[in-house]
Amino acid sequence: MSFASVDARDRWLPPSAALNGFRLSAADVPGGSPLATGQGSRFGFRVGQLCLLIRMDARSEMVTLASIAPIPNVPAWFLGLMNRRGHLLPVFDLHQLLETGESRRDNRTVLILDQDSDAVGIPIDSLPQPVGINRTLRHRPPLPEVLEAHVSTAYAAGQTIWLEFDHRSFFMAVGAQIVS
């Protein structure tokens, strides 16, 4: 062992000190500064003309080329089941459920909300996007009846209205329709 290598190791920071010294500026974050500042930043996705926010406490992931097993004798908006890490999760077509008229059966990119036995899948047309929320609206816009009880608040981000979507209560209500 040479003295040069010993000297170099002595100058290294412990891993915890090195990681704690790491800071991102707003310019370093892809997609702009709303994520870097953490002020009012969320992720959301679109279903037709509706813009829905993913709950801050929800885990989410994207699956491309998802394999969905259809189930007979269920409503058309229930696309079937998908296996994710050994858990079967239901996959719902929100375009059909919310009657946007824009359903695409060939879309196999699925947004998964939550995990394990609580997870649900939603085919989406584009990736979720970061949303910088500017202000809370006093009144919600008119919503499809099936969605009304599951949107608590509406926010403005530029000229776009984003809805606080309680996917858990929504899919519990929708799941009850399948069972009955």
Protein backbone atom coordinates (compact mmCIF):
# COMPACT_ATOMS: atom_id res chain seq x y z
CA MET A 1 0.00 0.00 0.00
CA SER A 2 1.41 3.41 -0.94
CA PHE A 3 1.32 6.56 1.15
CA ALA A 4 -0.56 8.40 -1.61
CA SER A 5 -3.55 6.04 -1.37
CA VAL A 6 -3.68 6.34 2.43
CA ASP A 7 -3.63 10.14 2.21
CA ALA A 8 -6.46 10.15 -0.35
CA ARG A 9 -8.70 7.95 1.84
CA ASP A 10 -8.08 10.16 4.85
CA ARG A 11 -9.55 13.10 2.93
CA TRP A 12 -12.79 11.32 2.03
CA LEU A 13 -15.93 12.35 3.83
CA PRO A 14 -17.94 9.74 5.68
CA PRO A 15 -20.88 8.64 3.46
CA SER A 16 -23.49 10.39 5.63
CA ALA A 17 -21.61 13.69 5.49
CA ALA A 18 -21.18 13.42 1.72
CA LEU A 19 -24.88 12.73 1.13
CA ASN A 20 -26.07 15.45 3.50
CA GLY A 21 -23.96 18.00 1.65
CA PHE A 22 -25.85 17.38 -1.60
CA ARG A 23 -28.19 20.25 -2.56
CA LEU A 24 -30.21 20.82 -5.73
CA SER A 25 -30.94 24.23 -7.09
CA ALA A 26 -34.23 24.94 -8.93
CA ALA A 27 -32.34 24.92 -12.24
CA ASP A 28 -31.06 21.35 -11.58
CA VAL A 29 -34.55 19.80 -11.38
CA PRO A 30 -36.04 18.51 -14.65
CA GLY A 31 -39.41 20.06 -15.45
CA GLY A 32 -38.78 23.37 -13.72
CA SER A 33 -38.68 24.82 -10.27
CA PRO A 34 -42.03 23.77 -8.69
CA LEU A 35 -40.54 20.46 -7.60
CA ALA A 36 -37.38 22.01 -6.25
CA THR A 37 -39.13 24.53 -4.06
CA GLY A 38 -41.63 22.03 -2.68
CA GLN A 39 -44.20 24.81 -2.39
CA GLY A 40 -47.52 23.62 -3.76
CA SER A 41 -45.92 21.04 -6.02
CA ARG A 42 -47.77 17.82 -6.79
CA PHE A 43 -48.12 15.33 -9.59
CA GLY A 44 -51.28 15.01 -11.61
CA PHE A 45 -52.67 13.20 -14.64
CA ARG A 46 -55.33 13.91 -17.22
CA VAL A 47 -58.47 11.96 -18.07
CA GLY A 48 -60.01 13.61 -21.08
CA GLN A 49 -60.45 17.25 -20.11
CA LEU A 50 -60.27 16.51 -16.36
CA CYS A 51 -57.01 17.09 -14.51
CA LEU A 52 -56.68 14.95 -11.38
CA LEU A 53 -54.06 15.30 -8.65
CA ILE A 54 -52.40 12.26 -7.15
CA ARG A 55 -52.75 12.29 -3.37
CA MET A 56 -49.61 13.36 -1.58
CA ASP A 57 -49.67 10.24 0.60
CA ALA A 58 -50.17 7.84 -2.32
CA ARG A 59 -47.38 5.80 -3.81
CA SER A 60 -47.57 5.65 -7.57
CA GLU A 61 -45.71 4.06 -10.44
CA MET A 62 -45.99 3.64 -14.17
CA VAL A 63 -46.07 0.32 -16.00
CA THR A 64 -45.61 0.25 -19.76
CA LEU A 65 -46.80 -2.63 -21.91
CA ALA A 66 -49.01 -3.80 -19.06
CA SER A 67 -50.69 -7.16 -19.42
CA ILE A 68 -54.32 -6.91 -18.26
CA ALA A 69 -56.39 -10.11 -17.91
CA PRO A 70 -60.03 -9.36 -18.80
CA ILE A 71 -62.85 -10.73 -16.66
CA PRO A 72 -66.17 -11.76 -18.23
CA ASN A 73 -69.56 -10.31 -17.22
CA VAL A 74 -68.29 -7.08 -15.66
CA PRO A 75 -68.95 -3.48 -16.75
CA ALA A 76 -66.87 -2.28 -19.71
CA TRP A 77 -65.02 0.25 -17.53
CA PHE A 78 -63.54 -2.59 -15.44
CA LEU A 79 -60.76 -3.70 -17.77
CA GLY A 80 -59.62 -6.65 -15.66
CA LEU A 81 -56.77 -7.62 -13.36
CA MET A 82 -53.06 -7.06 -13.55
CA ASN A 83 -50.34 -8.91 -11.64
CA ARG A 84 -47.87 -6.57 -9.96
CA ARG A 85 -45.25 -8.14 -7.71
CA GLY A 86 -47.51 -11.07 -6.88
CA HIS A 87 -50.57 -8.92 -6.11
CA LEU A 88 -53.58 -8.86 -8.39
CA LEU A 89 -54.83 -5.34 -8.83
CA PRO A 90 -57.96 -4.11 -10.59
CA VAL A 91 -57.58 -1.90 -13.65
CA PHE A 92 -60.28 0.68 -14.39
CA ASP A 93 -60.85 2.74 -17.53
CA LEU A 94 -61.54 6.23 -16.17
CA HIS A 95 -62.46 7.48 -19.64
CA GLN A 96 -65.46 5.13 -19.63
CA LEU A 97 -66.26 5.59 -15.95
CA LEU A 98 -66.28 9.38 -16.26
CA GLU A 99 -67.86 9.22 -19.72
CA THR A 100 -65.26 11.43 -21.40
CA GLY A 101 -65.87 9.69 -24.73
CA GLU A 102 -62.13 9.29 -25.28
CA SER A 103 -61.49 5.68 -24.27
CA ARG A 104 -58.58 3.91 -25.97
CA ARG A 105 -58.50 0.13 -25.65
CA ASP A 106 -54.99 -0.10 -27.12
CA ASN A 107 -53.35 1.96 -24.36
CA ARG A 108 -51.16 -0.29 -22.24
CA THR A 109 -49.44 2.34 -20.10
CA VAL A 110 -50.93 2.01 -16.63
CA LEU A 111 -50.63 4.37 -13.68
CA ILE A 112 -50.69 2.36 -10.45
CA LEU A 113 -51.89 4.20 -7.37
CA ASP A 114 -51.00 2.79 -3.94
CA GLN A 115 -49.36 -0.59 -3.47
CA ASP A 116 -49.91 -4.24 -2.62
CA SER A 117 -53.56 -5.12 -1.88
CA ASP A 118 -54.63 -1.44 -1.96
CA ALA A 119 -53.31 -0.80 -5.48
CA VAL A 120 -55.45 0.08 -8.49
CA GLY A 121 -54.45 0.63 -12.10
CA ILE A 122 -55.60 3.29 -14.54
CA PRO A 123 -54.58 3.30 -18.21
CA ILE A 124 -53.41 6.81 -19.07
CA ASP A 125 -52.52 8.58 -22.29
CA SER A 126 -49.46 10.47 -21.01
CA LEU A 127 -47.15 10.47 -18.03
CA PRO A 128 -48.17 12.23 -14.82
CA GLN A 129 -46.78 15.74 -14.74
CA PRO A 130 -45.55 18.04 -12.01
CA VAL A 131 -48.13 20.66 -11.08
CA GLY A 132 -47.31 23.91 -9.31
CA ILE A 133 -50.50 24.90 -7.52
CA ASN A 134 -51.07 28.65 -7.47
CA ARG A 135 -54.34 29.01 -5.60
CA THR A 136 -57.36 27.19 -4.21
CA LEU A 137 -60.66 27.87 -5.97
CA ARG A 138 -63.71 28.77 -3.91
CA HIS A 139 -66.03 26.69 -6.09
CA ARG A 140 -65.44 23.48 -7.95
CA PRO A 141 -66.31 23.29 -11.62
CA PRO A 142 -69.19 21.00 -12.70
CA LEU A 143 -68.07 17.38 -12.47
CA PRO A 144 -69.38 14.02 -13.69
CA GLU A 145 -71.85 12.72 -11.09
CA VAL A 146 -69.77 9.61 -10.35
CA LEU A 147 -66.81 11.84 -9.43
CA GLU A 148 -68.65 14.52 -7.43
CA ALA A 149 -68.30 12.97 -3.94
CA HIS A 150 -64.61 12.18 -4.46
CA VAL A 151 -63.26 15.65 -5.27
CA SER A 152 -62.83 17.87 -2.23
CA THR A 153 -61.05 20.89 -3.68
CA ALA A 154 -60.12 22.48 -6.97
CA TYR A 155 -56.87 24.36 -7.56
CA ALA A 156 -55.65 26.69 -10.26
CA ALA A 157 -52.27 26.19 -11.89
CA GLY A 158 -51.99 28.79 -14.60
CA GLN A 159 -55.10 28.43 -16.77
CA THR A 160 -55.67 24.80 -15.77
CA ILE A 161 -57.99 23.57 -13.01
CA TRP A 162 -56.65 20.59 -11.05
CA LEU A 163 -58.94 18.50 -8.85
CA GLU A 164 -58.04 16.98 -5.48
CA PHE A 165 -58.98 13.37 -6.33
CA ASP A 166 -59.60 10.90 -3.50
CA HIS A 167 -58.89 7.79 -5.55
CA ARG A 168 -59.31 5.51 -2.53
CA SER A 169 -62.93 6.45 -1.82
CA PHE A 170 -63.68 6.62 -5.55
CA PHE A 171 -62.47 3.10 -6.31
CA MET A 172 -64.10 1.67 -3.17
CA ALA A 173 -67.44 3.04 -4.41
CA VAL A 174 -66.80 1.78 -7.94
CA GLY A 175 -65.72 -1.64 -6.64
CA ALA A 176 -68.97 -1.91 -4.71
CA GLN A 177 -70.85 -1.56 -8.02
CA ILE A 178 -69.03 -4.59 -9.41
CA VAL A 179 -69.80 -6.75 -6.37
CA SER A 180 -73.51 -5.89 -6.30
